[in-house]
């Protein structure tokens, strides 16, 4: 299992578009991908679950990848956070 914590820099938080982008990345990999923020743990393969966490700007988000291709998944998710999901 891999764990990394990222700080969301996007002013608009993880709303529909970036949540969908994150879920698309997570769905490409067979490993389990979870987000932990604001006291909630959610499945990162579901945009609705991601949005339900209410992740706003400057929130620390822990990402957990567990299983096959977890390293590749974490690397791509890290890039997405660094690029503010293209916003």
PDB file of N, CA and C in Angstrom:
ATOM      1  N   UNK A   1       0.843  -1.177   0.000  1.00  0.00           N
ATOM      2  CA  UNK A   1       0.000   0.000   0.000  1.00  0.00           C
ATOM      3  C   UNK A   1       0.885   1.236   0.000  1.00  0.00           C
ATOM      4  N   UNK A   2       0.506   2.200  -0.813  1.00  0.00           N
ATOM      5  CA  UNK A   2       1.201   3.485  -0.861  1.00  0.00           C
ATOM      6  C   UNK A   2       0.280   4.562  -0.306  1.00  0.00           C
ATOM      7  N   UNK A   3       0.843   5.491   0.463  1.00  0.00           N
ATOM      8  CA  UNK A   3       0.113   6.636   1.000  1.00  0.00           C
ATOM      9  C   UNK A   3       0.904   7.891   0.696  1.00  0.00           C
ATOM     10  N   UNK A   4       0.217   8.897   0.210  1.00  0.00           N
ATOM     11  CA  UNK A   4       0.836  10.216   0.032  1.00  0.00           C
ATOM     12  C   UNK A   4      -0.206  11.262   0.369  1.00  0.00           C
ATOM     13  N   UNK A   5       0.266  12.377   0.900  1.00  0.00           N
ATOM     14  CA  UNK A   5      -0.634  13.476   1.220  1.00  0.00           C
ATOM     15  C   UNK A   5      -0.314  14.654   0.317  1.00  0.00           C
ATOM     16  N   UNK A   6      -1.372  15.212  -0.253  1.00  0.00           N
ATOM     17  CA  UNK A   6      -1.261  16.364  -1.142  1.00  0.00           C
ATOM     18  C   UNK A   6      -2.131  17.478  -0.584  1.00  0.00           C
ATOM     19  N   UNK A   7      -1.739  18.720  -0.857  1.00  0.00           N
ATOM     20  CA  UNK A   7      -2.569  19.866  -0.504  1.00  0.00           C
ATOM     21  C   UNK A   7      -3.225  20.363  -1.779  1.00  0.00           C
ATOM     22  N   UNK A   8      -4.543  20.418  -1.762  1.00  0.00           N
ATOM     23  CA  UNK A   8      -5.280  20.870  -2.938  1.00  0.00           C
ATOM     24  C   UNK A   8      -5.103  22.373  -3.088  1.00  0.00           C
ATOM     25  N   UNK A   9      -4.559  22.809  -4.208  1.00  0.00           N
ATOM     26  CA  UNK A   9      -4.293  24.224  -4.438  1.00  0.00           C
ATOM     27  C   UNK A   9      -5.396  24.921  -5.235  1.00  0.00           C
ATOM     28  N   UNK A  10      -6.224  24.173  -5.923  1.00  0.00           N
ATOM     29  CA  UNK A  10      -7.273  24.753  -6.762  1.00  0.00           C
ATOM     30  C   UNK A  10      -8.227  25.604  -5.925  1.00  0.00           C
ATOM     31  N   UNK A  11      -8.490  26.828  -6.384  1.00  0.00           N
ATOM     32  CA  UNK A  11      -9.376  27.740  -5.665  1.00  0.00           C
ATOM     33  C   UNK A  11     -10.800  27.218  -5.582  1.00  0.00           C
ATOM     34  N   UNK A  12     -11.183  26.389  -6.540  1.00  0.00           N
ATOM     35  CA  UNK A  12     -12.568  25.913  -6.596  1.00  0.00           C
ATOM     36  C   UNK A  12     -12.761  24.552  -5.939  1.00  0.00           C
ATOM     37  N   UNK A  13     -11.707  23.970  -5.391  1.00  0.00           N
ATOM     38  CA  UNK A  13     -11.814  22.677  -4.735  1.00  0.00           C
ATOM     39  C   UNK A  13     -12.007  21.543  -5.731  1.00  0.00           C
ATOM     40  N   UNK A  14     -12.353  20.380  -5.209  1.00  0.00           N
ATOM     41  CA  UNK A  14     -12.578  19.210  -6.072  1.00  0.00           C
ATOM     42  C   UNK A  14     -14.059  19.157  -6.442  1.00  0.00           C
ATOM     43  N   UNK A  15     -14.461  20.024  -7.356  1.00  0.00           N
ATOM     44  CA  UNK A  15     -15.839  20.046  -7.853  1.00  0.00           C
ATOM     45  C   UNK A  15     -15.970  19.015  -8.972  1.00  0.00           C
ATOM     46  N   UNK A  16     -17.040  19.067  -9.736  1.00  0.00           N
ATOM     47  CA  UNK A  16     -17.381  18.008 -10.700  1.00  0.00           C
ATOM     48  C   UNK A  16     -16.279  17.695 -11.708  1.00  0.00           C
ATOM     49  N   UNK A  17     -15.703  18.707 -12.353  1.00  0.00           N
ATOM     50  CA  UNK A  17     -14.729  18.421 -13.405  1.00  0.00           C
ATOM     51  C   UNK A  17     -13.450  17.784 -12.862  1.00  0.00           C
ATOM     52  N   UNK A  18     -12.796  18.367 -11.857  1.00  0.00           N
ATOM     53  CA  UNK A  18     -11.589  17.708 -11.351  1.00  0.00           C
ATOM     54  C   UNK A  18     -11.889  16.373 -10.658  1.00  0.00           C
ATOM     55  N   UNK A  19     -13.053  16.247 -10.037  1.00  0.00           N
ATOM     56  CA  UNK A  19     -13.416  14.963  -9.420  1.00  0.00           C
ATOM     57  C   UNK A  19     -13.546  13.889 -10.492  1.00  0.00           C
ATOM     58  N   UNK A  20     -14.128  14.261 -11.628  1.00  0.00           N
ATOM     59  CA  UNK A  20     -14.262  13.315 -12.737  1.00  0.00           C
ATOM     60  C   UNK A  20     -12.899  12.956 -13.305  1.00  0.00           C
ATOM     61  N   UNK A  21     -12.014  13.941 -13.432  1.00  0.00           N
ATOM     62  CA  UNK A  21     -10.664  13.673 -13.934  1.00  0.00           C
ATOM     63  C   UNK A  21      -9.914  12.720 -13.001  1.00  0.00           C
ATOM     64  N   UNK A  22     -10.028  12.967 -11.707  1.00  0.00           N
ATOM     65  CA  UNK A  22      -9.362  12.105 -10.731  1.00  0.00           C
ATOM     66  C   UNK A  22      -9.927  10.684 -10.793  1.00  0.00           C
ATOM     67  N   UNK A  23     -11.236  10.567 -10.896  1.00  0.00           N
ATOM     68  CA  UNK A  23     -11.865   9.243 -10.982  1.00  0.00           C
ATOM     69  C   UNK A  23     -11.435   8.506 -12.249  1.00  0.00           C
ATOM     70  N   UNK A  24     -11.317   9.236 -13.362  1.00  0.00           N
ATOM     71  CA  UNK A  24     -10.867   8.610 -14.616  1.00  0.00           C
ATOM     72  C   UNK A  24      -9.460   8.034 -14.460  1.00  0.00           C
ATOM     73  N   UNK A  25      -8.596   8.776 -13.795  1.00  0.00           N
ATOM     74  CA  UNK A  25      -7.235   8.281 -13.549  1.00  0.00           C
ATOM     75  C   UNK A  25      -7.307   7.024 -12.682  1.00  0.00           C
ATOM     76  N   UNK A  26      -8.045   7.096 -11.591  1.00  0.00           N
ATOM     77  CA  UNK A  26      -8.131   5.966 -10.661  1.00  0.00           C
ATOM     78  C   UNK A  26      -8.698   4.719 -11.336  1.00  0.00           C
ATOM     79  N   UNK A  27      -9.678   4.906 -12.213  1.00  0.00           N
ATOM     80  CA  UNK A  27     -10.318   3.764 -12.875  1.00  0.00           C
ATOM     81  C   UNK A  27      -9.405   3.063 -13.878  1.00  0.00           C
ATOM     82  N   UNK A  28      -8.339   3.721 -14.292  1.00  0.00           N
ATOM     83  CA  UNK A  28      -7.409   3.108 -15.249  1.00  0.00           C
ATOM     84  C   UNK A  28      -6.576   1.992 -14.623  1.00  0.00           C
ATOM     85  N   UNK A  29      -6.566   1.928 -13.305  1.00  0.00           N
ATOM     86  CA  UNK A  29      -5.690   0.997 -12.607  1.00  0.00           C
ATOM     87  C   UNK A  29      -6.504  -0.013 -11.797  1.00  0.00           C
ATOM     88  N   UNK A  30      -6.010  -1.256 -11.710  1.00  0.00           N
ATOM     89  CA  UNK A  30      -6.756  -2.285 -10.981  1.00  0.00           C
ATOM     90  C   UNK A  30      -6.685  -2.162  -9.456  1.00  0.00           C
ATOM     91  N   UNK A  31      -5.780  -1.353  -8.948  1.00  0.00           N
ATOM     92  CA  UNK A  31      -5.640  -1.216  -7.495  1.00  0.00           C
ATOM     93  C   UNK A  31      -6.806  -0.417  -6.900  1.00  0.00           C
ATOM     94  N   UNK A  32      -6.996  -0.570  -5.585  1.00  0.00           N
ATOM     95  CA  UNK A  32      -7.958   0.259  -4.865  1.00  0.00           C
ATOM     96  C   UNK A  32      -7.332   1.629  -4.666  1.00  0.00           C
ATOM     97  N   UNK A  33      -8.121   2.680  -4.890  1.00  0.00           N
ATOM     98  CA  UNK A  33      -7.641   4.044  -4.689  1.00  0.00           C
ATOM     99  C   UNK A  33      -8.655   4.754  -3.795  1.00  0.00           C
ATOM    100  N   UNK A  34      -8.160   5.292  -2.680  1.00  0.00           N
ATOM    101  CA  UNK A  34      -9.032   5.984  -1.734  1.00  0.00           C
ATOM    102  C   UNK A  34      -8.478   7.362  -1.433  1.00  0.00           C
ATOM    103  N   UNK A  35      -9.389   8.283  -1.135  1.00  0.00           N
ATOM    104  CA  UNK A  35      -9.028   9.621  -0.676  1.00  0.00           C
ATOM    105  C   UNK A  35      -9.497   9.755   0.763  1.00  0.00           C
ATOM    106  N   UNK A  36      -8.661  10.383   1.573  1.00  0.00           N
ATOM    107  CA  UNK A  36      -9.031  10.652   2.958  1.00  0.00           C
ATOM    108  C   UNK A  36      -8.867  12.152   3.179  1.00  0.00           C
ATOM    109  N   UNK A  37      -9.981  12.806   3.504  1.00  0.00           N
ATOM    110  CA  UNK A  37      -9.964  14.252   3.744  1.00  0.00           C
ATOM    111  C   UNK A  37     -11.183  14.621   4.582  1.00  0.00           C
ATOM    112  N   UNK A  38     -11.041  15.617   5.401  1.00  0.00           N
ATOM    113  CA  UNK A  38     -12.153  16.108   6.217  1.00  0.00           C
ATOM    114  C   UNK A  38     -12.804  14.991   7.036  1.00  0.00           C
ATOM    115  N   UNK A  39     -12.010  14.025   7.484  1.00  0.00           N
ATOM    116  CA  UNK A  39     -12.541  12.946   8.296  1.00  0.00           C
ATOM    117  C   UNK A  39     -13.314  11.892   7.531  1.00  0.00           C
ATOM    118  N   UNK A  40     -13.285  11.966   6.199  1.00  0.00           N
ATOM    119  CA  UNK A  40     -14.005  10.996   5.372  1.00  0.00           C
ATOM    120  C   UNK A  40     -13.023  10.201   4.527  1.00  0.00           C
ATOM    121  N   UNK A  41     -13.341   8.939   4.312  1.00  0.00           N
ATOM    122  CA  UNK A  41     -12.600   8.089   3.387  1.00  0.00           C
ATOM    123  C   UNK A  41     -13.546   7.737   2.256  1.00  0.00           C
ATOM    124  N   UNK A  42     -13.131   8.044   1.013  1.00  0.00           N
ATOM    125  CA  UNK A  42     -14.012   7.803  -0.134  1.00  0.00           C
ATOM    126  C   UNK A  42     -13.281   7.046  -1.229  1.00  0.00           C
ATOM    127  N   UNK A  43     -14.051   6.349  -2.029  1.00  0.00           N
ATOM    128  CA  UNK A  43     -13.553   5.625  -3.192  1.00  0.00           C
ATOM    129  C   UNK A  43     -13.216   6.643  -4.281  1.00  0.00           C
ATOM    130  N   UNK A  44     -11.969   6.696  -4.701  1.00  0.00           N
ATOM    131  CA  UNK A  44     -11.541   7.679  -5.697  1.00  0.00           C
ATOM    132  C   UNK A  44     -11.951   7.295  -7.111  1.00  0.00           C
ATOM    133  N   UNK A  45     -12.595   6.156  -7.285  1.00  0.00           N
ATOM    134  CA  UNK A  45     -13.067   5.757  -8.610  1.00  0.00           C
ATOM    135  C   UNK A  45     -14.493   6.244  -8.861  1.00  0.00           C
ATOM    136  N   UNK A  46     -15.054   6.985  -7.915  1.00  0.00           N
ATOM    137  CA  UNK A  46     -16.409   7.519  -8.020  1.00  0.00           C
ATOM    138  C   UNK A  46     -16.397   9.038  -7.889  1.00  0.00           C
ATOM    139  N   UNK A  47     -16.705   9.766  -8.978  1.00  0.00           N
ATOM    140  CA  UNK A  47     -16.738  11.230  -8.880  1.00  0.00           C
ATOM    141  C   UNK A  47     -17.707  11.724  -7.806  1.00  0.00           C
ATOM    142  N   UNK A  48     -18.848  11.065  -7.660  1.00  0.00           N
ATOM    143  CA  UNK A  48     -19.819  11.494  -6.652  1.00  0.00           C
ATOM    144  C   UNK A  48     -19.276  11.323  -5.241  1.00  0.00           C
ATOM    145  N   UNK A  49     -18.566  10.237  -5.004  1.00  0.00           N
ATOM    146  CA  UNK A  49     -17.965  10.030  -3.686  1.00  0.00           C
ATOM    147  C   UNK A  49     -16.890  11.080  -3.416  1.00  0.00           C
ATOM    148  N   UNK A  50     -16.103  11.395  -4.442  1.00  0.00           N
ATOM    149  CA  UNK A  50     -15.062  12.419  -4.283  1.00  0.00           C
ATOM    150  C   UNK A  50     -15.706  13.751  -3.913  1.00  0.00           C
ATOM    151  N   UNK A  51     -16.751  14.136  -4.648  1.00  0.00           N
ATOM    152  CA  UNK A  51     -17.418  15.412  -4.367  1.00  0.00           C
ATOM    153  C   UNK A  51     -18.070  15.410  -2.988  1.00  0.00           C
ATOM    154  N   UNK A  52     -18.537  14.248  -2.524  1.00  0.00           N
ATOM    155  CA  UNK A  52     -19.196  14.174  -1.214  1.00  0.00           C
ATOM    156  C   UNK A  52     -18.234  14.464  -0.061  1.00  0.00           C
ATOM    157  N   UNK A  53     -16.942  14.367  -0.310  1.00  0.00           N
ATOM    158  CA  UNK A  53     -15.948  14.651   0.735  1.00  0.00           C
ATOM    159  C   UNK A  53     -15.793  16.146   0.993  1.00  0.00           C
ATOM    160  N   UNK A  54     -16.315  16.992   0.100  1.00  0.00           N
ATOM    161  CA  UNK A  54     -16.263  18.441   0.311  1.00  0.00           C
ATOM    162  C   UNK A  54     -14.852  18.992   0.395  1.00  0.00           C
ATOM    163  N   UNK A  55     -13.994  18.568  -0.513  1.00  0.00           N
ATOM    164  CA  UNK A  55     -12.585  18.959  -0.472  1.00  0.00           C
ATOM    165  C   UNK A  55     -12.410  20.341  -1.097  1.00  0.00           C
ATOM    166  N   UNK A  56     -12.003  21.287  -0.280  1.00  0.00           N
ATOM    167  CA  UNK A  56     -11.841  22.677  -0.716  1.00  0.00           C
ATOM    168  C   UNK A  56     -10.359  23.042  -0.794  1.00  0.00           C
ATOM    169  N   UNK A  57     -10.100  24.259  -1.300  1.00  0.00           N
ATOM    170  CA  UNK A  57      -8.725  24.749  -1.439  1.00  0.00           C
ATOM    171  C   UNK A  57      -7.990  24.662  -0.102  1.00  0.00           C
ATOM    172  N   UNK A  58      -6.712  24.307  -0.187  1.00  0.00           N
ATOM    173  CA  UNK A  58      -5.789  24.202   0.952  1.00  0.00           C
ATOM    174  C   UNK A  58      -6.105  23.025   1.880  1.00  0.00           C
ATOM    175  N   UNK A  59      -6.975  22.121   1.445  1.00  0.00           N
ATOM    176  CA  UNK A  59      -7.263  20.921   2.226  1.00  0.00           C
ATOM    177  C   UNK A  59      -6.180  19.880   1.959  1.00  0.00           C
ATOM    178  N   UNK A  60      -5.694  19.251   3.018  1.00  0.00           N
ATOM    179  CA  UNK A  60      -4.768  18.128   2.859  1.00  0.00           C
ATOM    180  C   UNK A  60      -5.575  16.885   2.522  1.00  0.00           C
ATOM    181  N   UNK A  61      -5.154  16.205   1.465  1.00  0.00           N
ATOM    182  CA  UNK A  61      -5.842  15.013   0.979  1.00  0.00           C
ATOM    183  C   UNK A  61      -4.846  13.861   0.983  1.00  0.00           C
ATOM    184  N   UNK A  62      -5.147  12.828   1.752  1.00  0.00           N
ATOM    185  CA  UNK A  62      -4.314  11.632   1.732  1.00  0.00           C
ATOM    186  C   UNK A  62      -4.845  10.704   0.653  1.00  0.00           C
ATOM    187  N   UNK A  63      -3.956  10.222  -0.195  1.00  0.00           N
ATOM    188  CA  UNK A  63      -4.310   9.271  -1.242  1.00  0.00           C
ATOM    189  C   UNK A  63      -3.698   7.930  -0.871  1.00  0.00           C
ATOM    190  N   UNK A  64      -4.520   6.888  -0.918  1.00  0.00           N
ATOM    191  CA  UNK A  64      -4.052   5.523  -0.665  1.00  0.00           C
ATOM    192  C   UNK A  64      -4.271   4.692  -1.916  1.00  0.00           C
ATOM    193  N   UNK A  65      -3.221   4.055  -2.387  1.00  0.00           N
ATOM    194  CA  UNK A  65      -3.306   3.121  -3.509  1.00  0.00           C
ATOM    195  C   UNK A  65      -2.839   1.769  -2.990  1.00  0.00           C
ATOM    196  N   UNK A  66      -3.653   0.746  -3.222  1.00  0.00           N
ATOM    197  CA  UNK A  66      -3.331  -0.575  -2.691  1.00  0.00           C
ATOM    198  C   UNK A  66      -3.659  -1.643  -3.722  1.00  0.00           C
ATOM    199  N   UNK A  67      -2.617  -2.325  -4.186  1.00  0.00           N
ATOM    200  CA  UNK A  67      -2.830  -3.429  -5.110  1.00  0.00           C
ATOM    201  C   UNK A  67      -1.962  -3.317  -6.345  1.00  0.00           C
ATOM    202  N   UNK A  68      -2.360  -4.074  -7.353  1.00  0.00           N
ATOM    203  CA  UNK A  68      -1.610  -4.131  -8.604  1.00  0.00           C
ATOM    204  C   UNK A  68      -1.528  -2.752  -9.259  1.00  0.00           C
ATOM    205  N   UNK A  69      -0.343  -2.374  -9.685  1.00  0.00           N
ATOM    206  CA  UNK A  69      -0.040  -1.106 -10.352  1.00  0.00           C
ATOM    207  C   UNK A  69      -0.280   0.115  -9.458  1.00  0.00           C
ATOM    208  N   UNK A  70      -0.134  -0.064  -8.144  1.00  0.00           N
ATOM    209  CA  UNK A  70      -0.335   1.048  -7.224  1.00  0.00           C
ATOM    210  C   UNK A  70       0.671   2.171  -7.442  1.00  0.00           C
ATOM    211  N   UNK A  71       1.903   1.831  -7.799  1.00  0.00           N
ATOM    212  CA  UNK A  71       2.921   2.863  -8.005  1.00  0.00           C
ATOM    213  C   UNK A  71       2.591   3.734  -9.211  1.00  0.00           C
ATOM    214  N   UNK A  72       2.144   3.106 -10.300  1.00  0.00           N
ATOM    215  CA  UNK A  72       1.780   3.859 -11.503  1.00  0.00           C
ATOM    216  C   UNK A  72       0.581   4.762 -11.224  1.00  0.00           C
ATOM    217  N   UNK A  73      -0.385   4.228 -10.496  1.00  0.00           N
ATOM    218  CA  UNK A  73      -1.573   5.015 -10.160  1.00  0.00           C
ATOM    219  C   UNK A  73      -1.186   6.233  -9.329  1.00  0.00           C
ATOM    220  N   UNK A  74      -0.357   6.032  -8.300  1.00  0.00           N
ATOM    221  CA  UNK A  74       0.037   7.138  -7.429  1.00  0.00           C
ATOM    222  C   UNK A  74       0.802   8.195  -8.210  1.00  0.00           C
ATOM    223  N   UNK A  75       1.668   7.773  -9.114  1.00  0.00           N
ATOM    224  CA  UNK A  75       2.448   8.725  -9.904  1.00  0.00           C
ATOM    225  C   UNK A  75       1.532   9.605 -10.749  1.00  0.00           C
ATOM    226  N   UNK A  76       0.537   9.003 -11.396  1.00  0.00           N
ATOM    227  CA  UNK A  76      -0.365   9.792 -12.239  1.00  0.00           C
ATOM    228  C   UNK A  76      -1.261  10.704 -11.400  1.00  0.00           C
ATOM    229  N   UNK A  77      -1.697  10.227 -10.249  1.00  0.00           N
ATOM    230  CA  UNK A  77      -2.510  11.056  -9.361  1.00  0.00           C
ATOM    231  C   UNK A  77      -1.690  12.226  -8.827  1.00  0.00           C
ATOM    232  N   UNK A  78      -0.434  11.977  -8.487  1.00  0.00           N
ATOM    233  CA  UNK A  78       0.449  13.050  -8.015  1.00  0.00           C
ATOM    234  C   UNK A  78       0.597  14.135  -9.082  1.00  0.00           C
ATOM    235  N   UNK A  79       0.776  13.735 -10.324  1.00  0.00           N
ATOM    236  CA  UNK A  79       0.880  14.706 -11.423  1.00  0.00           C
ATOM    237  C   UNK A  79      -0.400  15.522 -11.551  1.00  0.00           C
ATOM    238  N   UNK A  80      -1.539  14.870 -11.401  1.00  0.00           N
ATOM    239  CA  UNK A  80      -2.819  15.576 -11.502  1.00  0.00           C
ATOM    240  C   UNK A  80      -2.952  16.628 -10.402  1.00  0.00           C
ATOM    241  N   UNK A  81      -2.560  16.284  -9.170  1.00  0.00           N
ATOM    242  CA  UNK A  81      -2.602  17.264  -8.088  1.00  0.00           C
ATOM    243  C   UNK A  81      -1.644  18.416  -8.372  1.00  0.00           C
ATOM    244  N   UNK A  82      -0.439  18.115  -8.857  1.00  0.00           N
ATOM    245  CA  UNK A  82       0.545  19.166  -9.157  1.00  0.00           C
ATOM    246  C   UNK A  82       0.030  20.122 -10.221  1.00  0.00           C
ATOM    247  N   UNK A  83      -0.738  19.596 -11.172  1.00  0.00           N
ATOM    248  CA  UNK A  83      -1.259  20.412 -12.278  1.00  0.00           C
ATOM    249  C   UNK A  83      -2.663  20.935 -12.010  1.00  0.00           C
ATOM    250  N   UNK A  84      -3.123  20.837 -10.767  1.00  0.00           N
ATOM    251  CA  UNK A  84      -4.472  21.285 -10.398  1.00  0.00           C
ATOM    252  C   UNK A  84      -5.544  20.740 -11.327  1.00  0.00           C
ATOM    253  N   UNK A  85      -5.353  19.507 -11.766  1.00  0.00           N
ATOM    254  CA  UNK A  85      -6.325  18.821 -12.612  1.00  0.00           C
ATOM    255  C   UNK A  85      -6.633  19.602 -13.885  1.00  0.00           C
ATOM    256  N   UNK A  86      -5.619  20.325 -14.365  1.00  0.00           N
ATOM    257  CA  UNK A  86      -5.751  21.040 -15.631  1.00  0.00           C
ATOM    258  C   UNK A  86      -6.505  22.349 -15.551  1.00  0.00           C
ATOM    259  N   UNK A  87      -6.758  22.832 -14.350  1.00  0.00           N
ATOM    260  CA  UNK A  87      -7.506  24.097 -14.226  1.00  0.00           C
ATOM    261  C   UNK A  87      -6.580  25.281 -14.247  1.00  0.00           C
TER     262      UNK A  87
END
